[in-house]
């Protein structure tokens, strides 16, 4: 069990170090593409929510 705790702590440390390393490299054109990125993310979330509600409706009607 102690090995599992050590493994989790090692993975967390590696994750933090790699995240900090990657955040140093920013996208210079991101500020000019905010509108397109926001539109794309909104579209993705809308499609996922609609599909989730559809699948939930199917589940309730057939399996509940």
PDB file of N, CA and C in Angstrom:
ATOM      1  N   UNK A   1       0.820  -1.192   0.000  1.00  0.00           N
ATOM      2  CA  UNK A   1       0.000   0.000   0.000  1.00  0.00           C
ATOM      3  C   UNK A   1       0.866   1.259   0.000  1.00  0.00           C
ATOM      4  N   UNK A   2       1.978   1.212   0.695  1.00  0.00           N
ATOM      5  CA  UNK A   2       2.879   2.363   0.715  1.00  0.00           C
ATOM      6  C   UNK A   2       3.466   2.633  -0.664  1.00  0.00           C
ATOM      7  N   UNK A   3       3.651   1.574  -1.440  1.00  0.00           N
ATOM      8  CA  UNK A   3       4.168   1.728  -2.798  1.00  0.00           C
ATOM      9  C   UNK A   3       3.174   2.509  -3.648  1.00  0.00           C
ATOM     10  N   UNK A   4       1.889   2.242  -3.457  1.00  0.00           N
ATOM     11  CA  UNK A   4       0.853   2.952  -4.214  1.00  0.00           C
ATOM     12  C   UNK A   4       0.849   4.438  -3.861  1.00  0.00           C
ATOM     13  N   UNK A   5       0.980   4.753  -2.566  1.00  0.00           N
ATOM     14  CA  UNK A   5       1.043   6.160  -2.153  1.00  0.00           C
ATOM     15  C   UNK A   5       2.253   6.852  -2.782  1.00  0.00           C
ATOM     16  N   UNK A   6       3.381   6.186  -2.771  1.00  0.00           N
ATOM     17  CA  UNK A   6       4.595   6.753  -3.360  1.00  0.00           C
ATOM     18  C   UNK A   6       4.415   6.955  -4.862  1.00  0.00           C
ATOM     19  N   UNK A   7       3.793   5.991  -5.525  1.00  0.00           N
ATOM     20  CA  UNK A   7       3.566   6.098  -6.963  1.00  0.00           C
ATOM     21  C   UNK A   7       2.648   7.277  -7.288  1.00  0.00           C
ATOM     22  N   UNK A   8       1.604   7.459  -6.511  1.00  0.00           N
ATOM     23  CA  UNK A   8       0.692   8.586  -6.721  1.00  0.00           C
ATOM     24  C   UNK A   8       1.418   9.906  -6.510  1.00  0.00           C
ATOM     25  N   UNK A   9       2.227  10.000  -5.474  1.00  0.00           N
ATOM     26  CA  UNK A   9       2.970  11.233  -5.200  1.00  0.00           C
ATOM     27  C   UNK A   9       3.961  11.515  -6.322  1.00  0.00           C
ATOM     28  N   UNK A  10       4.624  10.494  -6.833  1.00  0.00           N
ATOM     29  CA  UNK A  10       5.562  10.676  -7.945  1.00  0.00           C
ATOM     30  C   UNK A  10       4.833  11.166  -9.185  1.00  0.00           C
ATOM     31  N   UNK A  11       3.678  10.594  -9.475  1.00  0.00           N
ATOM     32  CA  UNK A  11       2.904  11.019 -10.645  1.00  0.00           C
ATOM     33  C   UNK A  11       2.444  12.461 -10.486  1.00  0.00           C
ATOM     34  N   UNK A  12       2.043  12.849  -9.283  1.00  0.00           N
ATOM     35  CA  UNK A  12       1.619  14.229  -9.039  1.00  0.00           C
ATOM     36  C   UNK A  12       2.779  15.192  -9.241  1.00  0.00           C
ATOM     37  N   UNK A  13       3.948  14.835  -8.743  1.00  0.00           N
ATOM     38  CA  UNK A  13       5.118  15.708  -8.895  1.00  0.00           C
ATOM     39  C   UNK A  13       5.492  15.845 -10.366  1.00  0.00           C
ATOM     40  N   UNK A  14       5.494  14.741 -11.097  1.00  0.00           N
ATOM     41  CA  UNK A  14       5.800  14.787 -12.529  1.00  0.00           C
ATOM     42  C   UNK A  14       4.774  15.645 -13.264  1.00  0.00           C
ATOM     43  N   UNK A  15       3.507  15.524 -12.893  1.00  0.00           N
ATOM     44  CA  UNK A  15       2.451  16.312 -13.533  1.00  0.00           C
ATOM     45  C   UNK A  15       2.645  17.802 -13.287  1.00  0.00           C
ATOM     46  N   UNK A  16       2.957  18.154 -12.059  1.00  0.00           N
ATOM     47  CA  UNK A  16       3.148  19.571 -11.731  1.00  0.00           C
ATOM     48  C   UNK A  16       4.349  20.145 -12.478  1.00  0.00           C
ATOM     49  N   UNK A  17       5.446  19.410 -12.485  1.00  0.00           N
ATOM     50  CA  UNK A  17       6.659  19.899 -13.157  1.00  0.00           C
ATOM     51  C   UNK A  17       6.425  20.038 -14.657  1.00  0.00           C
ATOM     52  N   UNK A  18       5.795  19.044 -15.280  1.00  0.00           N
ATOM     53  CA  UNK A  18       5.557  19.118 -16.722  1.00  0.00           C
ATOM     54  C   UNK A  18       4.558  20.217 -17.064  1.00  0.00           C
ATOM     55  N   UNK A  19       3.551  20.427 -16.233  1.00  0.00           N
ATOM     56  CA  UNK A  19       2.594  21.506 -16.474  1.00  0.00           C
ATOM     57  C   UNK A  19       3.277  22.859 -16.400  1.00  0.00           C
ATOM     58  N   UNK A  20       4.110  23.052 -15.389  1.00  0.00           N
ATOM     59  CA  UNK A  20       4.827  24.321 -15.268  1.00  0.00           C
ATOM     60  C   UNK A  20       5.802  24.529 -16.420  1.00  0.00           C
ATOM     61  N   UNK A  21       6.400  23.462 -16.896  1.00  0.00           N
ATOM     62  CA  UNK A  21       7.326  23.558 -18.024  1.00  0.00           C
ATOM     63  C   UNK A  21       6.587  23.954 -19.302  1.00  0.00           C
ATOM     64  N   UNK A  22       5.410  23.371 -19.512  1.00  0.00           N
ATOM     65  CA  UNK A  22       4.663  23.654 -20.738  1.00  0.00           C
ATOM     66  C   UNK A  22       3.977  25.007 -20.719  1.00  0.00           C
ATOM     67  N   UNK A  23       3.637  25.519 -19.551  1.00  0.00           N
ATOM     68  CA  UNK A  23       2.963  26.808 -19.494  1.00  0.00           C
ATOM     69  C   UNK A  23       3.894  27.964 -19.822  1.00  0.00           C
ATOM     70  N   UNK A  24       5.166  27.729 -19.821  1.00  0.00           N
ATOM     71  CA  UNK A  24       6.106  28.769 -20.192  1.00  0.00           C
ATOM     72  C   UNK A  24       6.040  29.090 -21.674  1.00  0.00           C
ATOM     73  N   UNK A  25       5.562  28.143 -22.473  1.00  0.00           N
ATOM     74  CA  UNK A  25       5.451  28.343 -23.911  1.00  0.00           C
ATOM     75  C   UNK A  25       4.021  28.762 -24.238  1.00  0.00           C
ATOM     76  N   UNK A  26       3.821  30.033 -24.477  1.00  0.00           N
ATOM     77  CA  UNK A  26       2.489  30.534 -24.790  1.00  0.00           C
ATOM     78  C   UNK A  26       2.275  30.641 -26.290  1.00  0.00           C
ATOM     79  N   UNK A  27       1.035  30.691 -26.680  1.00  0.00           N
ATOM     80  CA  UNK A  27       0.683  30.882 -28.076  1.00  0.00           C
ATOM     81  C   UNK A  27       0.554  32.380 -28.328  1.00  0.00           C
ATOM     82  N   UNK A  28       1.400  32.911 -29.183  1.00  0.00           N
ATOM     83  CA  UNK A  28       1.413  34.354 -29.429  1.00  0.00           C
ATOM     84  C   UNK A  28       0.142  34.825 -30.137  1.00  0.00           C
ATOM     85  N   UNK A  29      -0.450  33.983 -30.959  1.00  0.00           N
ATOM     86  CA  UNK A  29      -1.634  34.375 -31.721  1.00  0.00           C
ATOM     87  C   UNK A  29      -2.932  34.088 -30.989  1.00  0.00           C
ATOM     88  N   UNK A  30      -2.867  33.604 -29.762  1.00  0.00           N
ATOM     89  CA  UNK A  30      -4.090  33.225 -29.058  1.00  0.00           C
ATOM     90  C   UNK A  30      -5.006  34.426 -28.837  1.00  0.00           C
ATOM     91  N   UNK A  31      -4.434  35.559 -28.504  1.00  0.00           N
ATOM     92  CA  UNK A  31      -5.280  36.725 -28.224  1.00  0.00           C
ATOM     93  C   UNK A  31      -6.031  37.181 -29.467  1.00  0.00           C
ATOM     94  N   UNK A  32      -5.501  36.922 -30.638  1.00  0.00           N
ATOM     95  CA  UNK A  32      -6.197  37.304 -31.865  1.00  0.00           C
ATOM     96  C   UNK A  32      -7.234  36.259 -32.277  1.00  0.00           C
ATOM     97  N   UNK A  33      -7.142  35.067 -31.709  1.00  0.00           N
ATOM     98  CA  UNK A  33      -8.059  33.991 -32.087  1.00  0.00           C
ATOM     99  C   UNK A  33      -9.077  33.666 -31.002  1.00  0.00           C
ATOM    100  N   UNK A  34      -9.242  34.550 -30.042  1.00  0.00           N
ATOM    101  CA  UNK A  34     -10.128  34.279 -28.907  1.00  0.00           C
ATOM    102  C   UNK A  34     -11.560  34.074 -29.376  1.00  0.00           C
ATOM    103  N   UNK A  35     -12.017  34.899 -30.294  1.00  0.00           N
ATOM    104  CA  UNK A  35     -13.398  34.807 -30.765  1.00  0.00           C
ATOM    105  C   UNK A  35     -13.660  33.444 -31.411  1.00  0.00           C
ATOM    106  N   UNK A  36     -12.764  32.998 -32.261  1.00  0.00           N
ATOM    107  CA  UNK A  36     -12.945  31.699 -32.918  1.00  0.00           C
ATOM    108  C   UNK A  36     -12.860  30.559 -31.916  1.00  0.00           C
ATOM    109  N   UNK A  37     -11.921  30.648 -30.984  1.00  0.00           N
ATOM    110  CA  UNK A  37     -11.786  29.598 -29.972  1.00  0.00           C
ATOM    111  C   UNK A  37     -13.027  29.523 -29.088  1.00  0.00           C
ATOM    112  N   UNK A  38     -13.565  30.670 -28.708  1.00  0.00           N
ATOM    113  CA  UNK A  38     -14.771  30.698 -27.881  1.00  0.00           C
ATOM    114  C   UNK A  38     -15.952  30.109 -28.636  1.00  0.00           C
ATOM    115  N   UNK A  39     -16.079  30.450 -29.912  1.00  0.00           N
ATOM    116  CA  UNK A  39     -17.175  29.915 -30.731  1.00  0.00           C
ATOM    117  C   UNK A  39     -17.048  28.396 -30.860  1.00  0.00           C
ATOM    118  N   UNK A  40     -15.851  27.908 -31.085  1.00  0.00           N
ATOM    119  CA  UNK A  40     -15.649  26.464 -31.215  1.00  0.00           C
ATOM    120  C   UNK A  40     -15.965  25.726 -29.916  1.00  0.00           C
ATOM    121  N   UNK A  41     -15.502  26.261 -28.798  1.00  0.00           N
ATOM    122  CA  UNK A  41     -15.784  25.619 -27.514  1.00  0.00           C
ATOM    123  C   UNK A  41     -17.275  25.634 -27.192  1.00  0.00           C
ATOM    124  N   UNK A  42     -17.943  26.749 -27.482  1.00  0.00           N
ATOM    125  CA  UNK A  42     -19.376  26.828 -27.250  1.00  0.00           C
ATOM    126  C   UNK A  42     -20.118  25.808 -28.100  1.00  0.00           C
ATOM    127  N   UNK A  43     -19.719  25.659 -29.343  1.00  0.00           N
ATOM    128  CA  UNK A  43     -20.341  24.675 -30.230  1.00  0.00           C
ATOM    129  C   UNK A  43     -20.118  23.252 -29.715  1.00  0.00           C
ATOM    130  N   UNK A  44     -18.915  22.963 -29.274  1.00  0.00           N
ATOM    131  CA  UNK A  44     -18.619  21.628 -28.743  1.00  0.00           C
ATOM    132  C   UNK A  44     -19.474  21.335 -27.515  1.00  0.00           C
ATOM    133  N   UNK A  45     -19.552  22.290 -26.584  1.00  0.00           N
ATOM    134  CA  UNK A  45     -20.356  22.091 -25.379  1.00  0.00           C
ATOM    135  C   UNK A  45     -21.838  21.946 -25.717  1.00  0.00           C
ATOM    136  N   UNK A  46     -22.345  22.728 -26.654  1.00  0.00           N
ATOM    137  CA  UNK A  46     -23.755  22.640 -27.034  1.00  0.00           C
ATOM    138  C   UNK A  46     -24.070  21.266 -27.624  1.00  0.00           C
ATOM    139  N   UNK A  47     -23.216  20.780 -28.503  1.00  0.00           N
ATOM    140  CA  UNK A  47     -23.440  19.462 -29.112  1.00  0.00           C
ATOM    141  C   UNK A  47     -23.390  18.366 -28.056  1.00  0.00           C
ATOM    142  N   UNK A  48     -22.443  18.438 -27.148  1.00  0.00           N
ATOM    143  CA  UNK A  48     -22.318  17.414 -26.111  1.00  0.00           C
ATOM    144  C   UNK A  48     -23.527  17.426 -25.183  1.00  0.00           C
ATOM    145  N   UNK A  49     -24.007  18.612 -24.821  1.00  0.00           N
ATOM    146  CA  UNK A  49     -25.172  18.698 -23.932  1.00  0.00           C
ATOM    147  C   UNK A  49     -26.413  18.145 -24.622  1.00  0.00           C
ATOM    148  N   UNK A  50     -26.620  18.497 -25.886  1.00  0.00           N
ATOM    149  CA  UNK A  50     -27.784  17.989 -26.621  1.00  0.00           C
ATOM    150  C   UNK A  50     -27.719  16.480 -26.757  1.00  0.00           C
ATOM    151  N   UNK A  51     -26.560  15.944 -27.130  1.00  0.00           N
ATOM    152  CA  UNK A  51     -26.419  14.490 -27.253  1.00  0.00           C
ATOM    153  C   UNK A  51     -26.611  13.791 -25.910  1.00  0.00           C
ATOM    154  N   UNK A  52     -26.112  14.390 -24.852  1.00  0.00           N
ATOM    155  CA  UNK A  52     -26.265  13.800 -23.517  1.00  0.00           C
ATOM    156  C   UNK A  52     -27.733  13.744 -23.112  1.00  0.00           C
ATOM    157  N   UNK A  53     -28.469  14.818 -23.371  1.00  0.00           N
ATOM    158  CA  UNK A  53     -29.894  14.823 -23.049  1.00  0.00           C
ATOM    159  C   UNK A  53     -30.661  13.805 -23.890  1.00  0.00           C
ATOM    160  N   UNK A  54     -30.306  13.668 -25.151  1.00  0.00           N
ATOM    161  CA  UNK A  54     -30.926  12.687 -26.031  1.00  0.00           C
ATOM    162  C   UNK A  54     -30.681  11.263 -25.534  1.00  0.00           C
ATOM    163  N   UNK A  55     -29.445  10.960 -25.198  1.00  0.00           N
ATOM    164  CA  UNK A  55     -29.103   9.625 -24.692  1.00  0.00           C
ATOM    165  C   UNK A  55     -29.769   9.376 -23.345  1.00  0.00           C
ATOM    166  N   UNK A  56     -29.846  10.378 -22.494  1.00  0.00           N
ATOM    167  CA  UNK A  56     -30.533  10.239 -21.217  1.00  0.00           C
ATOM    168  C   UNK A  56     -32.013   9.928 -21.434  1.00  0.00           C
ATOM    169  N   UNK A  57     -32.637  10.603 -22.390  1.00  0.00           N
ATOM    170  CA  UNK A  57     -34.034  10.328 -22.710  1.00  0.00           C
ATOM    171  C   UNK A  57     -34.242   8.909 -23.204  1.00  0.00           C
ATOM    172  N   UNK A  58     -33.341   8.433 -24.045  1.00  0.00           N
ATOM    173  CA  UNK A  58     -33.420   7.046 -24.531  1.00  0.00           C
ATOM    174  C   UNK A  58     -33.256   6.076 -23.371  1.00  0.00           C
ATOM    175  N   UNK A  59     -32.309   6.340 -22.514  1.00  0.00           N
ATOM    176  CA  UNK A  59     -32.076   5.472 -21.357  1.00  0.00           C
ATOM    177  C   UNK A  59     -33.309   5.405 -20.455  1.00  0.00           C
ATOM    178  N   UNK A  60     -33.892   6.560 -20.173  1.00  0.00           N
ATOM    179  CA  UNK A  60     -35.058   6.591 -19.293  1.00  0.00           C
ATOM    180  C   UNK A  60     -36.236   5.871 -19.939  1.00  0.00           C
ATOM    181  N   UNK A  61     -36.449   6.077 -21.245  1.00  0.00           N
ATOM    182  CA  UNK A  61     -37.618   5.480 -21.880  1.00  0.00           C
ATOM    183  C   UNK A  61     -37.486   3.968 -22.059  1.00  0.00           C
ATOM    184  N   UNK A  62     -36.294   3.456 -22.259  1.00  0.00           N
ATOM    185  CA  UNK A  62     -36.143   2.012 -22.515  1.00  0.00           C
ATOM    186  C   UNK A  62     -35.710   1.196 -21.303  1.00  0.00           C
ATOM    187  N   UNK A  63     -34.941   1.785 -20.409  1.00  0.00           N
ATOM    188  CA  UNK A  63     -34.335   0.995 -19.333  1.00  0.00           C
ATOM    189  C   UNK A  63     -34.847   1.326 -17.924  1.00  0.00           C
ATOM    190  N   UNK A  64     -35.659   2.338 -17.795  1.00  0.00           N
ATOM    191  CA  UNK A  64     -36.130   2.674 -16.450  1.00  0.00           C
ATOM    192  C   UNK A  64     -37.578   2.299 -16.249  1.00  0.00           C
TER     193      UNK A  64
END
